[in-house]
């Protein structure tokens, strides 16, 4: 996988720091940074590694297909593709 559209567009409510991502995953911060090199769950923004809460959740659930689609910029839930487009920010409302 070469695309990394994590946090593109940037949605503040979706962005979390390494410490919070590590806590969600039950890992150390170092372990979380290592995961970010293996999976499309974070990107550097302004020199800081910033994680996507949505991508981390997909990773935790083992939903590789959804995570890959997210990494390529897909922001529509698969079961809603036919009827309506849902922006990822609506998840937090």
N, C-alpha and C. Protein backbone atom coordinates (compact mmCIF):
# COMPACT_ATOMS: atom_id res chain seq x y z
N UNK A 1 0.84 -1.16 0.00
CA UNK A 1 0.00 0.00 0.00
C UNK A 1 0.89 1.23 0.00
N UNK A 2 0.66 2.13 -0.95
CA UNK A 2 1.48 3.33 -1.02
C UNK A 2 0.74 4.59 -0.62
N UNK A 3 -0.57 4.62 -0.75
CA UNK A 3 -1.33 5.81 -0.41
C UNK A 3 -1.43 5.97 1.10
N UNK A 4 -1.38 7.21 1.54
CA UNK A 4 -1.65 7.49 2.94
C UNK A 4 -2.43 8.79 3.02
N UNK A 5 -3.74 8.65 2.95
CA UNK A 5 -4.65 9.79 3.02
C UNK A 5 -5.23 9.90 4.42
N UNK A 6 -4.48 9.44 5.42
CA UNK A 6 -4.91 9.52 6.82
C UNK A 6 -5.01 10.98 7.21
N UNK A 7 -6.13 11.34 7.79
CA UNK A 7 -6.42 12.70 8.23
C UNK A 7 -6.37 13.71 7.08
N UNK A 8 -6.79 13.27 5.89
CA UNK A 8 -6.93 14.17 4.75
C UNK A 8 -8.37 14.03 4.25
N UNK A 9 -9.20 15.01 4.45
CA UNK A 9 -8.89 16.30 5.04
C UNK A 9 -8.70 16.17 6.55
N UNK A 10 -8.02 17.14 7.11
CA UNK A 10 -7.77 17.13 8.56
C UNK A 10 -9.06 17.47 9.29
N UNK A 11 -9.42 16.60 10.21
CA UNK A 11 -10.60 16.81 11.06
C UNK A 11 -10.12 16.74 12.50
N UNK A 12 -10.18 17.87 13.17
CA UNK A 12 -9.61 17.97 14.52
C UNK A 12 -10.18 16.93 15.48
N UNK A 13 -11.47 16.66 15.39
CA UNK A 13 -12.11 15.70 16.29
C UNK A 13 -11.61 14.27 16.07
N UNK A 14 -11.07 14.02 14.90
CA UNK A 14 -10.58 12.68 14.57
C UNK A 14 -9.11 12.48 14.98
N UNK A 15 -8.37 13.57 15.10
CA UNK A 15 -6.93 13.50 15.37
C UNK A 15 -6.64 13.25 16.84
N UNK A 16 -5.74 12.32 17.10
CA UNK A 16 -5.31 12.05 18.48
C UNK A 16 -3.78 11.91 18.50
N UNK A 17 -3.21 12.20 19.65
CA UNK A 17 -1.75 12.11 19.82
C UNK A 17 -1.34 10.67 20.10
N UNK A 18 -0.06 10.44 20.05
CA UNK A 18 0.49 9.10 20.25
C UNK A 18 0.07 8.50 21.58
N UNK A 19 0.10 9.28 22.64
CA UNK A 19 -0.23 8.76 23.98
C UNK A 19 -1.67 8.24 24.04
N UNK A 20 -2.59 8.99 23.46
CA UNK A 20 -3.99 8.56 23.47
C UNK A 20 -4.19 7.32 22.60
N UNK A 21 -3.54 7.28 21.44
CA UNK A 21 -3.64 6.11 20.56
C UNK A 21 -3.07 4.88 21.26
N UNK A 22 -1.94 5.06 21.95
CA UNK A 22 -1.31 3.95 22.67
C UNK A 22 -2.24 3.41 23.76
N UNK A 23 -2.90 4.32 24.46
CA UNK A 23 -3.82 3.91 25.52
C UNK A 23 -4.99 3.11 24.94
N UNK A 24 -5.53 3.57 23.81
CA UNK A 24 -6.63 2.85 23.16
C UNK A 24 -6.22 1.44 22.76
N UNK A 25 -4.97 1.29 22.31
CA UNK A 25 -4.49 0.00 21.82
C UNK A 25 -3.83 -0.86 22.90
N UNK A 26 -3.62 -0.29 24.07
CA UNK A 26 -2.96 -1.04 25.12
C UNK A 26 -1.48 -1.26 24.85
N UNK A 27 -0.86 -0.29 24.18
CA UNK A 27 0.55 -0.37 23.83
C UNK A 27 1.33 0.78 24.44
N UNK A 28 2.64 0.67 24.40
CA UNK A 28 3.48 1.80 24.79
C UNK A 28 3.46 2.80 23.65
N UNK A 29 3.91 4.03 23.93
CA UNK A 29 3.99 5.03 22.87
C UNK A 29 4.96 4.57 21.78
N UNK A 30 6.05 3.95 22.18
CA UNK A 30 7.01 3.44 21.20
C UNK A 30 6.35 2.38 20.31
N UNK A 31 5.61 1.48 20.94
CA UNK A 31 4.90 0.45 20.20
C UNK A 31 3.90 1.05 19.22
N UNK A 32 3.27 2.13 19.63
CA UNK A 32 2.30 2.79 18.76
C UNK A 32 3.00 3.44 17.57
N UNK A 33 4.14 4.07 17.82
CA UNK A 33 4.90 4.67 16.72
C UNK A 33 5.36 3.59 15.73
N UNK A 34 5.73 2.42 16.25
CA UNK A 34 6.13 1.32 15.37
C UNK A 34 4.94 0.84 14.53
N UNK A 35 3.76 0.78 15.13
CA UNK A 35 2.56 0.37 14.38
C UNK A 35 2.27 1.34 13.25
N UNK A 36 2.55 2.62 13.50
CA UNK A 36 2.29 3.64 12.47
C UNK A 36 3.17 3.46 11.25
N UNK A 37 4.29 2.76 11.40
CA UNK A 37 5.14 2.48 10.24
C UNK A 37 4.64 1.27 9.46
N UNK A 38 3.81 0.46 10.10
CA UNK A 38 3.30 -0.77 9.48
C UNK A 38 1.89 -0.65 8.92
N UNK A 39 1.09 0.24 9.51
CA UNK A 39 -0.32 0.37 9.14
C UNK A 39 -0.66 1.84 8.89
N UNK A 40 -1.61 2.11 8.00
CA UNK A 40 -1.98 3.49 7.71
C UNK A 40 -2.92 4.08 8.76
N UNK A 41 -2.37 4.34 9.94
CA UNK A 41 -3.19 4.84 11.05
C UNK A 41 -2.76 6.23 11.51
N UNK A 42 -1.69 6.77 10.92
CA UNK A 42 -1.18 8.07 11.35
C UNK A 42 -0.38 8.71 10.22
N UNK A 43 -0.15 10.00 10.37
CA UNK A 43 0.77 10.71 9.49
C UNK A 43 1.36 11.88 10.25
N UNK A 44 2.48 12.37 9.76
CA UNK A 44 3.12 13.53 10.39
C UNK A 44 2.42 14.80 9.93
N UNK A 45 2.08 15.61 10.89
CA UNK A 45 1.47 16.91 10.63
C UNK A 45 2.26 17.93 11.43
N UNK A 46 2.91 18.84 10.74
CA UNK A 46 3.72 19.85 11.42
C UNK A 46 4.85 19.23 12.23
N UNK A 47 5.37 18.10 11.76
CA UNK A 47 6.47 17.43 12.44
C UNK A 47 6.04 16.49 13.56
N UNK A 48 4.74 16.45 13.87
CA UNK A 48 4.22 15.59 14.94
C UNK A 48 3.46 14.41 14.34
N UNK A 49 3.70 13.23 14.89
CA UNK A 49 2.96 12.06 14.45
C UNK A 49 1.55 12.17 15.03
N UNK A 50 0.57 12.23 14.14
CA UNK A 50 -0.82 12.39 14.55
C UNK A 50 -1.61 11.19 14.06
N UNK A 51 -2.37 10.58 14.96
CA UNK A 51 -3.13 9.38 14.66
C UNK A 51 -4.58 9.72 14.35
N UNK A 52 -5.18 8.92 13.51
CA UNK A 52 -6.61 9.03 13.23
C UNK A 52 -7.34 8.09 14.18
N UNK A 53 -8.23 8.65 14.98
CA UNK A 53 -9.03 7.83 15.90
C UNK A 53 -9.82 6.79 15.11
N UNK A 54 -10.32 7.18 13.95
CA UNK A 54 -11.10 6.28 13.09
C UNK A 54 -10.23 5.14 12.58
N UNK A 55 -9.05 5.47 12.07
CA UNK A 55 -8.15 4.44 11.54
C UNK A 55 -7.67 3.50 12.65
N UNK A 56 -7.39 4.04 13.82
CA UNK A 56 -6.97 3.20 14.95
C UNK A 56 -8.08 2.22 15.31
N UNK A 57 -9.33 2.70 15.32
CA UNK A 57 -10.46 1.82 15.64
C UNK A 57 -10.60 0.72 14.60
N UNK A 58 -10.44 1.06 13.32
CA UNK A 58 -10.50 0.05 12.26
C UNK A 58 -9.41 -0.99 12.46
N UNK A 59 -8.22 -0.52 12.82
CA UNK A 59 -7.09 -1.42 13.07
C UNK A 59 -7.40 -2.35 14.24
N UNK A 60 -7.93 -1.80 15.32
CA UNK A 60 -8.26 -2.61 16.50
C UNK A 60 -9.32 -3.66 16.18
N UNK A 61 -10.26 -3.31 15.31
CA UNK A 61 -11.33 -4.24 14.94
C UNK A 61 -10.89 -5.24 13.89
N UNK A 62 -9.67 -5.08 13.38
CA UNK A 62 -9.15 -6.01 12.38
C UNK A 62 -9.82 -5.84 11.02
N UNK A 63 -10.36 -4.66 10.76
CA UNK A 63 -11.06 -4.40 9.51
C UNK A 63 -10.08 -3.87 8.47
N UNK A 64 -9.29 -4.79 7.92
CA UNK A 64 -8.23 -4.42 6.97
C UNK A 64 -8.78 -3.79 5.70
N UNK A 65 -9.92 -4.26 5.24
CA UNK A 65 -10.51 -3.71 4.01
C UNK A 65 -10.92 -2.25 4.21
N UNK A 66 -11.56 -1.97 5.33
CA UNK A 66 -11.97 -0.59 5.61
C UNK A 66 -10.75 0.30 5.83
N UNK A 67 -9.74 -0.21 6.50
CA UNK A 67 -8.52 0.56 6.75
C UNK A 67 -7.81 0.87 5.43
N UNK A 68 -7.75 -0.09 4.53
CA UNK A 68 -7.12 0.16 3.24
C UNK A 68 -7.90 1.20 2.45
N UNK A 69 -9.23 1.09 2.46
CA UNK A 69 -10.06 2.08 1.75
C UNK A 69 -9.85 3.46 2.36
N UNK A 70 -9.78 3.53 3.68
CA UNK A 70 -9.55 4.81 4.35
C UNK A 70 -8.20 5.39 3.94
N UNK A 71 -7.18 4.56 3.87
CA UNK A 71 -5.83 5.02 3.50
C UNK A 71 -5.80 5.57 2.08
N UNK A 72 -6.69 5.08 1.23
CA UNK A 72 -6.77 5.58 -0.15
C UNK A 72 -7.74 6.74 -0.31
N UNK A 73 -8.29 7.22 0.82
CA UNK A 73 -9.12 8.42 0.78
C UNK A 73 -10.61 8.19 0.80
N UNK A 74 -11.05 6.95 0.90
CA UNK A 74 -12.48 6.65 0.95
C UNK A 74 -13.04 7.12 2.29
N UNK A 75 -14.07 7.96 2.23
CA UNK A 75 -14.67 8.48 3.46
C UNK A 75 -16.17 8.23 3.52
N UNK A 76 -16.61 7.16 2.87
CA UNK A 76 -18.01 6.78 2.87
C UNK A 76 -18.12 5.38 3.44
N UNK A 77 -19.05 5.19 4.34
CA UNK A 77 -19.26 3.85 4.90
C UNK A 77 -19.77 2.93 3.81
N UNK A 78 -19.21 1.73 3.73
CA UNK A 78 -19.52 0.82 2.62
C UNK A 78 -21.00 0.49 2.54
N UNK A 79 -21.68 0.31 3.66
CA UNK A 79 -23.10 -0.04 3.60
C UNK A 79 -23.98 1.15 3.22
N UNK A 80 -23.40 2.36 3.14
CA UNK A 80 -24.17 3.54 2.77
C UNK A 80 -23.78 4.07 1.40
N UNK A 81 -22.90 3.41 0.70
CA UNK A 81 -22.41 3.91 -0.58
C UNK A 81 -23.51 4.09 -1.61
N UNK A 82 -24.47 3.19 -1.66
CA UNK A 82 -25.50 3.24 -2.68
C UNK A 82 -26.48 4.39 -2.45
N UNK A 83 -26.76 4.69 -1.19
CA UNK A 83 -27.83 5.64 -0.88
C UNK A 83 -27.34 7.06 -0.61
N UNK A 84 -26.32 7.20 0.18
CA UNK A 84 -25.91 8.53 0.61
C UNK A 84 -24.44 8.56 0.99
N UNK A 85 -23.84 9.69 0.91
CA UNK A 85 -22.45 9.87 1.33
C UNK A 85 -22.45 10.47 2.72
N UNK A 86 -21.70 9.87 3.63
CA UNK A 86 -21.62 10.33 5.01
C UNK A 86 -20.20 10.80 5.27
N UNK A 87 -20.06 12.05 5.66
CA UNK A 87 -18.73 12.57 5.98
C UNK A 87 -18.28 11.99 7.31
N UNK A 88 -17.02 11.64 7.39
CA UNK A 88 -16.46 11.00 8.59
C UNK A 88 -16.69 11.81 9.85
N UNK A 89 -16.77 13.15 9.73
CA UNK A 89 -16.96 13.99 10.93
C UNK A 89 -18.31 13.78 11.57
N UNK A 90 -19.28 13.22 10.84
CA UNK A 90 -20.59 12.99 11.43
C UNK A 90 -20.57 11.88 12.47
N UNK A 91 -19.52 11.10 12.50
CA UNK A 91 -19.39 10.03 13.49
C UNK A 91 -19.33 10.60 14.90
N UNK A 92 -18.77 11.78 15.06
CA UNK A 92 -18.55 12.36 16.39
C UNK A 92 -19.68 13.28 16.83
N UNK A 93 -20.74 13.40 16.07
CA UNK A 93 -21.85 14.28 16.45
C UNK A 93 -22.90 13.53 17.20
